[in-house]
Amino acid sequence: MENISYNTKGVCSRQIDIKIEDGVIAEVVFTGGCSGNTKGVAALAQGMTIEEAVKRLKGIKCGPKSTSCPDQLAVALEQYLAEK
């Protein structure tokens, strides 16, 4: 199992911790942000492949912001794939 910690940019949450096992998201924990929304995104992402999560979450915006907590999760996952 691999662990990722990503410091978010431009959103209310400060950090996303992700556990990945064999290319599948095993767990996601947001630090800060809207508790219900981040818990919901984390629960939905669990069990998805990295590629599927990126496909579904990338580009989602939060109000007038250019990003969102789901988008930042996609960014963190893309960064993980790029470093592999």
C-alpha atoms as a PDB file:
ATOM      1  CA  MET A   1       0.000   0.000   0.000  1.00  0.00           C
ATOM      2  CA  GLU A   2       1.253   3.467  -0.903  1.00  0.00           C
ATOM      3  CA  ASN A   3       0.465   6.648   1.003  1.00  0.00           C
ATOM      4  CA  ILE A   4       0.187  10.081  -0.582  1.00  0.00           C
ATOM      5  CA  SER A   5      -0.048  13.411   1.246  1.00  0.00           C
ATOM      6  CA  TYR A   6      -0.977  16.362  -0.931  1.00  0.00           C
ATOM      7  CA  ASN A   7      -1.137  19.999   0.209  1.00  0.00           C
ATOM      8  CA  THR A   8      -4.097  21.533  -1.589  1.00  0.00           C
ATOM      9  CA  LYS A   9      -4.141  24.874  -3.372  1.00  0.00           C
ATOM     10  CA  GLY A  10      -7.065  27.285  -3.712  1.00  0.00           C
ATOM     11  CA  VAL A  11      -9.615  25.379  -1.597  1.00  0.00           C
ATOM     12  CA  CYS A  12     -10.812  25.258   2.009  1.00  0.00           C
ATOM     13  CA  SER A  13      -9.251  21.882   2.761  1.00  0.00           C
ATOM     14  CA  ARG A  14      -5.541  22.045   3.597  1.00  0.00           C
ATOM     15  CA  GLN A  15      -4.389  18.513   2.844  1.00  0.00           C
ATOM     16  CA  ILE A  16      -5.517  15.261   1.282  1.00  0.00           C
ATOM     17  CA  ASP A  17      -4.125  11.923   2.468  1.00  0.00           C
ATOM     18  CA  ILE A  18      -4.663   9.029   0.080  1.00  0.00           C
ATOM     19  CA  LYS A  19      -3.934   5.318   0.392  1.00  0.00           C
ATOM     20  CA  ILE A  20      -3.520   3.408  -2.873  1.00  0.00           C
ATOM     21  CA  GLU A  21      -3.344  -0.340  -3.272  1.00  0.00           C
ATOM     22  CA  ASP A  22      -2.684  -1.914  -6.682  1.00  0.00           C
ATOM     23  CA  GLY A  23      -3.857   1.173  -8.568  1.00  0.00           C
ATOM     24  CA  VAL A  24      -7.099   1.419  -6.576  1.00  0.00           C
ATOM     25  CA  ILE A  25      -7.980   4.101  -4.029  1.00  0.00           C
ATOM     26  CA  ALA A  26      -8.258   2.405  -0.638  1.00  0.00           C
ATOM     27  CA  GLU A  27      -8.860   5.498   1.498  1.00  0.00           C
ATOM     28  CA  VAL A  28      -9.083   9.291   1.212  1.00  0.00           C
ATOM     29  CA  VAL A  29      -8.989  11.720   4.142  1.00  0.00           C
ATOM     30  CA  PHE A  30      -9.358  15.487   3.716  1.00  0.00           C
ATOM     31  CA  THR A  31      -8.028  17.836   6.410  1.00  0.00           C
ATOM     32  CA  GLY A  32     -10.263  20.884   6.610  1.00  0.00           C
ATOM     33  CA  GLY A  33     -12.914  21.853   4.110  1.00  0.00           C
ATOM     34  CA  CYS A  34     -16.651  21.210   4.214  1.00  0.00           C
ATOM     35  CA  SER A  35     -16.885  18.077   6.322  1.00  0.00           C
ATOM     36  CA  GLY A  36     -19.935  16.485   4.697  1.00  0.00           C
ATOM     37  CA  ASN A  37     -18.789  17.183   1.156  1.00  0.00           C
ATOM     38  CA  THR A  38     -15.229  15.978   1.653  1.00  0.00           C
ATOM     39  CA  LYS A  39     -16.411  12.834   3.473  1.00  0.00           C
ATOM     40  CA  GLY A  40     -18.828  12.184   0.607  1.00  0.00           C
ATOM     41  CA  VAL A  41     -16.169  12.601  -2.067  1.00  0.00           C
ATOM     42  CA  ALA A  42     -13.803  10.393  -0.064  1.00  0.00           C
ATOM     43  CA  ALA A  43     -16.415   7.643   0.280  1.00  0.00           C
ATOM     44  CA  LEU A  44     -17.296   7.745  -3.418  1.00  0.00           C
ATOM     45  CA  ALA A  45     -13.644   7.649  -4.521  1.00  0.00           C
ATOM     46  CA  GLN A  46     -12.888   4.594  -2.377  1.00  0.00           C
ATOM     47  CA  GLY A  47     -12.648   1.496  -4.565  1.00  0.00           C
ATOM     48  CA  MET A  48     -12.155   3.460  -7.799  1.00  0.00           C
ATOM     49  CA  THR A  49      -9.101   3.136  -9.958  1.00  0.00           C
ATOM     50  CA  ILE A  50      -6.923   6.220 -10.031  1.00  0.00           C
ATOM     51  CA  GLU A  51      -7.755   6.813 -13.697  1.00  0.00           C
ATOM     52  CA  GLU A  52     -11.523   6.603 -13.129  1.00  0.00           C
ATOM     53  CA  ALA A  53     -11.382   9.035 -10.189  1.00  0.00           C
ATOM     54  CA  VAL A  54      -9.342  11.544 -12.215  1.00  0.00           C
ATOM     55  CA  LYS A  55     -11.763  11.230 -15.139  1.00  0.00           C
ATOM     56  CA  ARG A  56     -14.773  11.928 -12.913  1.00  0.00           C
ATOM     57  CA  LEU A  57     -13.324  14.612 -10.615  1.00  0.00           C
ATOM     58  CA  LYS A  58     -10.958  16.688 -12.755  1.00  0.00           C
ATOM     59  CA  GLY A  59     -12.246  20.143 -13.631  1.00  0.00           C
ATOM     60  CA  ILE A  60     -14.999  20.391 -11.000  1.00  0.00           C
ATOM     61  CA  LYS A  61     -15.165  23.954  -9.681  1.00  0.00           C
ATOM     62  CA  CYS A  62     -16.406  25.285  -6.342  1.00  0.00           C
ATOM     63  CA  GLY A  63     -18.424  28.445  -6.915  1.00  0.00           C
ATOM     64  CA  PRO A  64     -16.225  31.124  -8.491  1.00  0.00           C
ATOM     65  CA  LYS A  65     -13.000  29.264  -7.636  1.00  0.00           C
ATOM     66  CA  SER A  66     -11.037  27.660 -10.465  1.00  0.00           C
ATOM     67  CA  THR A  67     -10.769  24.401  -8.490  1.00  0.00           C
ATOM     68  CA  SER A  68     -12.533  22.385  -5.771  1.00  0.00           C
ATOM     69  CA  CYS A  69     -11.740  19.675  -3.255  1.00  0.00           C
ATOM     70  CA  PRO A  70     -12.708  16.947  -5.768  1.00  0.00           C
ATOM     71  CA  ASP A  71     -10.550  18.639  -8.432  1.00  0.00           C
ATOM     72  CA  GLN A  72      -7.637  18.841  -5.979  1.00  0.00           C
ATOM     73  CA  LEU A  73      -8.004  15.097  -5.348  1.00  0.00           C
ATOM     74  CA  ALA A  74      -7.713  14.571  -9.118  1.00  0.00           C
ATOM     75  CA  VAL A  75      -4.628  16.819  -9.216  1.00  0.00           C
ATOM     76  CA  ALA A  76      -3.020  14.830  -6.382  1.00  0.00           C
ATOM     77  CA  LEU A  77      -3.727  11.555  -8.187  1.00  0.00           C
ATOM     78  CA  GLU A  78      -2.363  12.870 -11.494  1.00  0.00           C
ATOM     79  CA  GLN A  79       0.779  14.019  -9.722  1.00  0.00           C
ATOM     80  CA  TYR A  80       1.156  10.547  -8.184  1.00  0.00           C
ATOM     81  CA  LEU A  81       0.829   8.926 -11.628  1.00  0.00           C
ATOM     82  CA  ALA A  82       3.349  11.346 -13.147  1.00  0.00           C
ATOM     83  CA  GLU A  83       5.906  10.505 -10.457  1.00  0.00           C
ATOM     84  CA  LYS A  84       5.538   6.744 -10.926  1.00  0.00           C
END
